[in-house]
Protein backbone atom coordinates (compact mmCIF):
# COMPACT_ATOMS: atom_id res chain seq x y z
CA MET A 1 178.91 105.38 -97.93
CA ASN A 2 182.30 104.97 -99.56
CA ARG A 3 182.93 103.18 -102.92
CA LEU A 4 184.16 99.91 -101.47
CA THR A 5 181.10 99.48 -99.27
CA ALA A 6 178.78 100.34 -102.17
CA PHE A 7 180.60 97.82 -104.35
CA LEU A 8 180.34 95.04 -101.68
CA ILE A 9 176.61 95.61 -101.27
CA PHE A 10 176.15 95.53 -105.06
CA ALA A 11 178.17 92.26 -105.36
CA ALA A 12 176.13 90.61 -102.63
CA ALA A 13 172.95 91.54 -104.41
CA VAL A 14 174.24 90.05 -107.71
CA VAL A 15 175.14 86.77 -105.92
CA ALA A 16 171.79 86.64 -104.10
CA PHE A 17 169.96 87.28 -107.41
CA GLY A 18 172.11 84.50 -109.10
CA ASN A 19 171.27 82.04 -106.36
CA CYS A 20 167.60 82.74 -106.70
CA LYS A 21 167.77 82.11 -110.40
CA LYS A 22 169.69 78.86 -109.94
CA ALA A 23 167.27 77.49 -107.25
CA GLY A 24 164.74 76.33 -109.87
CA PRO A 25 161.15 75.23 -109.37
CA CYS A 26 162.11 72.10 -107.31
CA PRO A 27 164.61 71.18 -104.53
CA ALA A 28 167.64 69.33 -105.64
CA GLU A 29 166.21 65.98 -104.57
CA MET A 30 163.10 66.42 -106.79
CA ALA A 31 162.40 66.91 -110.48
CA VAL A 32 159.61 68.69 -112.30
CA VAL A 33 156.90 66.42 -113.84
CA GLU A 34 156.73 67.29 -117.48
CA GLY A 35 153.53 69.17 -118.37
CA ALA A 36 152.61 69.77 -114.68
CA LYS A 37 153.35 72.34 -111.98
CA VAL A 38 154.52 69.55 -109.75
CA CYS A 39 157.73 68.24 -108.27
CA ILE A 40 158.39 64.55 -107.60
CA ASP A 41 161.12 62.91 -105.49
CA ARG A 42 163.91 61.60 -107.66
CA PHE A 43 164.19 58.55 -105.36
CA GLU A 44 161.94 56.37 -103.26
CA SER A 45 161.96 57.37 -99.63
CA SER A 46 164.63 56.04 -97.35
CA ALA A 47 163.24 57.50 -94.17
CA GLY A 48 164.36 56.00 -90.94
CA ARG A 49 162.38 54.60 -88.01
CA ASP A 50 163.04 55.48 -84.33
CA LEU A 51 163.41 52.96 -81.52
CA LYS A 52 159.62 52.80 -81.22
CA GLY A 53 159.29 52.13 -84.92
CA ASN A 54 157.87 55.54 -85.84
CA LEU A 55 158.73 56.57 -89.39
CA GLY A 56 160.51 59.80 -89.82
CA PRO A 57 160.28 62.57 -92.52
CA ALA A 58 160.66 61.28 -96.06
CA VAL A 59 164.11 61.26 -97.50
CA SER A 60 164.91 61.21 -101.29
CA LYS A 61 168.63 60.19 -101.56
CA ARG A 62 170.56 58.23 -104.08
CA GLY A 63 172.27 55.14 -102.83
CA ALA A 64 170.11 54.73 -99.71
CA ILE A 65 167.98 51.64 -99.23
CA PRO A 66 164.26 52.43 -99.63
CA VAL A 67 162.16 51.79 -96.56
CA ASP A 68 159.37 49.21 -97.12
CA SER A 69 156.58 47.49 -95.11
CA VAL A 70 155.13 51.03 -94.83
CA ALA A 71 151.44 51.61 -94.24
CA TRP A 72 149.71 54.38 -96.23
CA VAL A 73 149.07 56.34 -93.12
CA GLU A 74 152.73 56.30 -92.24
CA ALA A 75 153.69 57.30 -95.79
CA ASP A 76 151.23 60.16 -95.79
CA ALA A 77 152.57 61.50 -92.44
CA SER A 78 156.15 61.04 -93.51
CA CYS A 79 155.71 63.10 -96.68
CA LYS A 80 153.86 65.81 -94.67
CA ALA A 81 156.67 65.92 -92.13
CA ALA A 82 159.15 66.62 -94.97
CA GLY A 83 156.89 69.53 -96.23
CA LYS A 84 155.64 67.42 -99.15
CA ARG A 85 152.66 65.10 -99.78
CA LEU A 86 151.93 61.79 -101.44
CA CYS A 87 151.68 61.92 -105.21
CA SER A 88 148.40 61.65 -106.99
CA SER A 89 148.07 58.91 -109.51
CA ASP A 90 148.13 61.42 -112.40
CA GLU A 91 151.31 63.08 -111.10
CA TRP A 92 153.03 59.81 -110.69
CA THR A 93 152.03 58.36 -113.99
CA GLY A 94 152.81 61.66 -115.66
CA ALA A 95 156.41 61.49 -114.35
CA CYS A 96 156.59 57.84 -115.51
CA ARG A 97 155.14 58.22 -118.98
CA GLY A 98 156.51 61.59 -119.93
CA LYS A 99 155.32 63.64 -122.94
CA GLU A 100 155.97 60.52 -125.08
CA GLY A 101 153.38 58.45 -123.33
CA ARG A 102 155.88 55.71 -122.45
CA ARG A 103 154.60 52.38 -121.24
CA PHE A 104 157.64 52.04 -118.97
CA PRO A 105 159.67 54.88 -117.50
CA TYR A 106 162.50 54.12 -120.01
CA GLY A 107 160.54 53.46 -123.17
CA LYS A 108 157.64 51.63 -124.87
CA GLU A 109 158.89 48.13 -124.73
CA PHE A 110 159.67 46.06 -121.53
CA GLU A 111 163.33 45.48 -121.02
CA PRO A 112 163.85 43.04 -118.02
CA GLU A 113 167.29 44.27 -117.05
CA ARG A 114 166.60 48.00 -116.92
CA CYS A 115 164.99 48.10 -113.40
CA ASN A 116 165.09 46.03 -110.27
CA THR A 117 162.23 43.44 -111.03
CA TYR A 118 161.91 39.75 -110.54
CA GLN A 119 163.48 39.11 -113.94
CA TYR A 120 166.62 41.08 -112.95
CA GLY A 121 166.75 39.42 -109.52
CA LYS A 122 166.49 36.00 -111.04
CA LYS A 123 169.43 36.62 -113.28
CA THR A 124 171.63 38.10 -110.54
CA GLY A 125 170.50 35.65 -107.93
CA LYS A 126 169.32 38.33 -105.57
CA THR A 127 165.62 39.09 -105.54
CA GLU A 128 165.72 41.94 -103.06
CA LYS A 129 165.56 45.69 -102.68
CA ARG A 130 168.45 47.67 -104.17
CA PRO A 131 169.83 51.20 -103.17
CA ALA A 132 167.83 53.95 -104.77
CA GLY A 133 169.13 55.11 -108.15
CA SER A 134 171.71 52.20 -108.28
CA MET A 135 170.32 51.12 -111.60
CA PRO A 136 170.95 54.17 -113.85
CA THR A 137 169.08 52.52 -116.80
CA CYS A 138 165.85 52.69 -114.70
CA ASP A 139 165.43 56.49 -115.32
CA ASN A 140 162.52 58.41 -116.73
CA GLY A 141 164.83 60.73 -118.65
CA SER A 142 164.55 63.45 -116.03
CA GLY A 143 166.47 61.94 -113.19
CA VAL A 144 163.48 60.19 -111.50
CA MET A 145 164.64 56.64 -110.71
CA ASP A 146 163.04 53.33 -109.99
CA LEU A 147 159.40 54.07 -111.08
CA SER A 148 159.23 50.45 -112.14
CA GLY A 149 160.21 47.78 -109.68
CA ASN A 150 162.31 47.98 -106.40
CA VAL A 151 159.42 48.81 -104.09
CA TRP A 152 155.62 49.52 -104.72
CA GLU A 153 154.71 53.19 -104.11
CA TRP A 154 151.66 54.52 -102.34
CA MET A 155 149.41 57.14 -104.07
CA ALA A 156 147.12 59.74 -102.51
CA ASN A 157 144.21 58.14 -104.50
CA THR A 158 141.50 55.89 -103.08
CA ASP A 159 139.38 53.22 -104.74
CA GLN A 160 135.63 53.72 -105.48
CA THR A 161 134.75 52.94 -101.82
CA GLY A 162 137.02 55.65 -100.61
CA VAL A 163 138.74 53.31 -98.22
CA LEU A 164 141.49 51.27 -100.03
CA ARG A 165 144.53 53.30 -101.18
CA GLN A 166 146.23 53.05 -104.59
CA LEU A 167 149.72 51.66 -105.52
CA TRP A 168 151.69 51.86 -108.63
CA GLY A 169 155.09 50.65 -110.07
CA GLY A 170 155.48 47.11 -108.89
CA GLY A 171 158.44 45.83 -106.79
CA PHE A 172 161.55 43.62 -106.83
CA ALA A 173 159.45 40.48 -106.70
CA ASN A 174 157.05 41.26 -109.47
CA ASP A 175 157.33 40.03 -113.10
CA ASN A 176 153.99 41.02 -114.68
CA HIS A 177 155.18 43.53 -117.17
CA GLU A 178 151.67 43.88 -118.70
CA ASN A 179 150.36 45.47 -115.46
CA GLU A 180 152.35 45.70 -112.32
CA LEU A 181 155.62 47.19 -113.77
CA THR A 182 154.10 49.65 -116.18
CA CYS A 183 153.50 53.38 -115.98
CA GLY A 184 149.84 52.75 -115.08
CA PHE A 185 148.28 51.65 -118.26
CA LYS A 186 146.06 49.05 -116.64
CA LYS A 187 144.34 48.52 -113.39
CA PRO A 188 146.24 49.72 -110.34
CA MET A 189 146.62 47.73 -107.06
CA TYR A 190 144.76 48.86 -103.93
CA GLN A 191 145.46 47.99 -100.27
CA PRO A 192 144.18 49.00 -96.83
CA PRO A 193 145.69 52.27 -95.59
CA LYS A 194 146.90 50.66 -92.33
CA GLY A 195 148.38 47.58 -94.01
CA ASN A 196 152.23 47.55 -93.69
CA PHE A 197 152.86 44.88 -96.34
CA SER A 198 156.40 43.80 -97.36
CA GLY A 199 157.71 45.46 -100.55
CA ILE A 200 155.56 48.62 -100.27
CA GLY A 201 157.22 52.03 -100.03
CA TYR A 202 156.55 55.54 -101.26
CA ARG A 203 157.90 58.83 -102.68
CA CYS A 204 156.52 62.21 -102.35
CA CYS A 205 155.46 65.20 -104.49
CA ARG A 206 154.92 68.94 -103.86
CA ALA A 207 153.82 71.99 -105.89
CA ALA A 208 156.51 73.43 -108.10
CA LYS A 209 157.60 76.99 -107.73
CA LEU A 210 157.15 78.29 -111.22
């Protein structure tokens, strides 16, 4: 082996090692949940539907319109198709609250213009979904967007009967900041797993590679 060949092999190894170090515990479209070995999508899923209406793999992408009217069974399958899973309530609320125990993803006090809620829609005259991440003030501090408002988000959890499925975060048509729009300090909402109600979407989680 000549010196040039040896040098090229060494250089390739250095680059490969550097890339491994830069990869981090989560894919680029996800962020680590503080205090947990879990990654959460930065954005609500904008997965598309085929001509038959079947929902494709989950997509976490800034600027895309979140999909809604999604049944829990569809959201569960969509996350799995993307190599992920639906978040548990603890994982989702952990991302929303942070180490500070925030009441809202951005802080302790409700600020009606921070996220896409009914109050914001009423002011702008457009009570509707907005592109994921388009309101930079609706950030949990780690680049996870729209945890309050925009669309409701399915959780993996069930109610006490084991039938109904849990939802958090509220949506663009909600204004109850004492419950619906918080990081889960009060009672969550539950809905049937096959119900595809307007305003309900999802985001995914997966184990972090620590």
